[in-house]
Protein backbone atom coordinates (compact mmCIF):
# COMPACT_ATOMS: atom_id res chain seq x y z
CA UNK A 1 -3.32 -1.80 17.74
CA UNK A 2 -0.86 0.90 16.70
CA UNK A 3 1.02 0.57 13.44
CA UNK A 4 4.82 0.22 13.50
CA UNK A 5 6.74 3.52 13.30
CA UNK A 6 6.73 4.99 9.80
CA UNK A 7 3.50 3.27 8.72
CA UNK A 8 0.34 5.35 8.72
CA UNK A 9 -3.31 5.32 7.69
CA UNK A 10 -4.37 7.76 4.97
CA UNK A 11 -7.17 8.31 2.47
CA UNK A 12 -7.06 7.06 -1.09
CA UNK A 13 -6.75 10.63 -2.35
CA UNK A 14 -5.58 13.90 -0.84
CA UNK A 15 -8.50 15.58 -2.62
CA UNK A 16 -10.93 13.43 -0.60
CA UNK A 17 -9.88 14.26 2.99
CA UNK A 18 -13.24 13.26 4.48
CA UNK A 19 -13.17 9.74 3.03
CA UNK A 20 -12.52 6.90 5.48
CA UNK A 21 -8.88 5.97 6.09
CA UNK A 22 -8.43 3.05 3.72
CA UNK A 23 -4.72 2.98 2.88
CA UNK A 24 -1.70 2.01 4.96
CA UNK A 25 1.41 3.63 3.54
CA UNK A 26 5.09 3.92 4.38
CA UNK A 27 7.09 6.75 2.76
CA UNK A 28 4.10 7.38 0.46
CA UNK A 29 4.18 3.77 -0.77
CA UNK A 30 0.83 2.00 -0.43
CA UNK A 31 1.30 -1.41 1.19
CA UNK A 32 -2.36 -2.18 2.02
CA UNK A 33 -5.59 -0.73 0.70
CA UNK A 34 -9.16 -1.42 1.76
CA UNK A 35 -12.04 -0.93 -0.62
CA UNK A 36 -15.76 -1.43 -0.45
CA UNK A 37 -17.59 -3.40 -3.11
CA UNK A 38 -20.51 -1.63 -4.75
CA UNK A 39 -22.66 -4.72 -5.28
CA UNK A 40 -22.92 -5.90 -1.65
CA UNK A 41 -21.09 -3.20 0.38
CA UNK A 42 -18.59 -5.76 1.71
CA UNK A 43 -15.00 -4.70 2.44
CA UNK A 44 -11.93 -6.18 0.75
CA UNK A 45 -8.26 -5.80 1.72
CA UNK A 46 -5.59 -5.65 -0.97
CA UNK A 47 -2.34 -6.78 0.68
CA UNK A 48 1.14 -6.19 -0.78
CA UNK A 49 -0.40 -3.40 -2.86
CA UNK A 50 3.08 -2.07 -3.65
CA UNK A 51 4.13 -5.41 -5.18
CA UNK A 52 1.01 -6.26 -7.16
CA UNK A 53 -0.63 -2.96 -7.93
CA UNK A 54 -4.36 -2.74 -8.48
CA UNK A 55 -5.95 -6.10 -9.09
CA UNK A 56 -3.53 -8.08 -6.94
CA UNK A 57 -4.46 -10.65 -4.30
CA UNK A 58 -7.28 -9.66 -1.97
CA UNK A 59 -8.81 -10.85 1.30
CA UNK A 60 -12.45 -10.42 2.32
CA UNK A 61 -13.18 -8.49 5.52
CA UNK A 62 -16.23 -8.95 7.71
CA UNK A 63 -16.45 -5.16 8.24
CA UNK A 64 -14.46 -1.96 7.79
CA UNK A 65 -13.32 -2.09 11.42
CA UNK A 66 -12.22 -5.73 11.18
CA UNK A 67 -10.44 -4.94 7.92
CA UNK A 68 -8.48 -2.20 9.65
CA UNK A 69 -7.55 -4.49 12.53
CA UNK A 70 -6.51 -7.28 10.18
CA UNK A 71 -4.48 -4.91 8.00
CA UNK A 72 -2.64 -3.54 11.04
CA UNK A 73 -1.85 -7.05 12.27
CA UNK A 74 -0.63 -8.04 8.79
CA UNK A 75 1.65 -4.97 8.56
CA UNK A 76 3.07 -5.72 12.01
CA UNK A 77 3.78 -9.35 11.04
CA UNK A 78 5.44 -8.39 7.74
CA UNK A 79 7.11 -5.17 8.89
CA UNK A 80 10.72 -6.17 8.08
CA UNK A 81 9.91 -7.32 4.53
CA UNK A 82 7.69 -4.29 3.90
CA UNK A 83 10.50 -1.95 4.96
CA UNK A 84 12.90 -3.69 2.56
CA UNK A 85 10.35 -3.42 -0.26
CA UNK A 86 9.73 0.27 0.42
CA UNK A 87 13.49 0.91 0.50
CA UNK A 88 13.85 -0.79 -2.92
CA UNK A 89 11.05 1.37 -4.35
CA UNK A 90 12.63 4.50 -2.88
CA UNK A 91 16.05 3.61 -4.37
CA UNK A 92 14.40 3.23 -7.78
CA UNK A 93 12.55 6.54 -7.37
CA UNK A 94 15.78 8.33 -6.40
CA UNK A 95 17.65 6.87 -9.39
CA UNK A 96 14.89 8.06 -11.72
CA UNK A 97 14.77 11.48 -10.06
CA UNK A 98 18.51 11.84 -10.52
CA UNK A 99 18.29 10.97 -14.22
CA UNK A 100 14.90 10.71 -15.91
CA UNK A 101 16.45 8.71 -18.77
CA UNK A 102 17.43 6.03 -16.24
CA UNK A 103 13.75 5.09 -16.13
CA UNK A 104 14.25 3.41 -19.50
CA UNK A 105 17.20 1.31 -18.30
CA UNK A 106 16.38 0.55 -14.67
CA UNK A 107 13.46 -1.83 -14.26
CA UNK A 108 11.04 -0.83 -11.50
CA UNK A 109 10.92 -3.05 -8.44
CA UNK A 110 8.40 -5.89 -8.65
CA UNK A 111 7.93 -5.34 -12.39
CA UNK A 112 5.45 -2.49 -12.27
CA UNK A 113 5.23 1.13 -11.26
CA UNK A 114 2.02 2.53 -9.83
């Protein structure tokens, strides 16, 4: 299933280009990330990654492939809200870029900045 326009799969780090695609982003904002547990090699999906940051709510996946399918379905279902969230984050980023001191007065969206 293709992702909605503007959403794309990427790696967790540009310095690790051969890693599996484990992040869905929109305008460089992570909205979903998949990670593999080290104790049992199972896959976990972190949804609303942009709202909760690391350590937010997670969902178990039966495999990497099923995690990707589930993440794509979730993004498609929540596309409108995700676009609004990303727009709010981008507005905050632009305000801070325009005046670095504004970072002290303007609270980041969702109470955290990752």
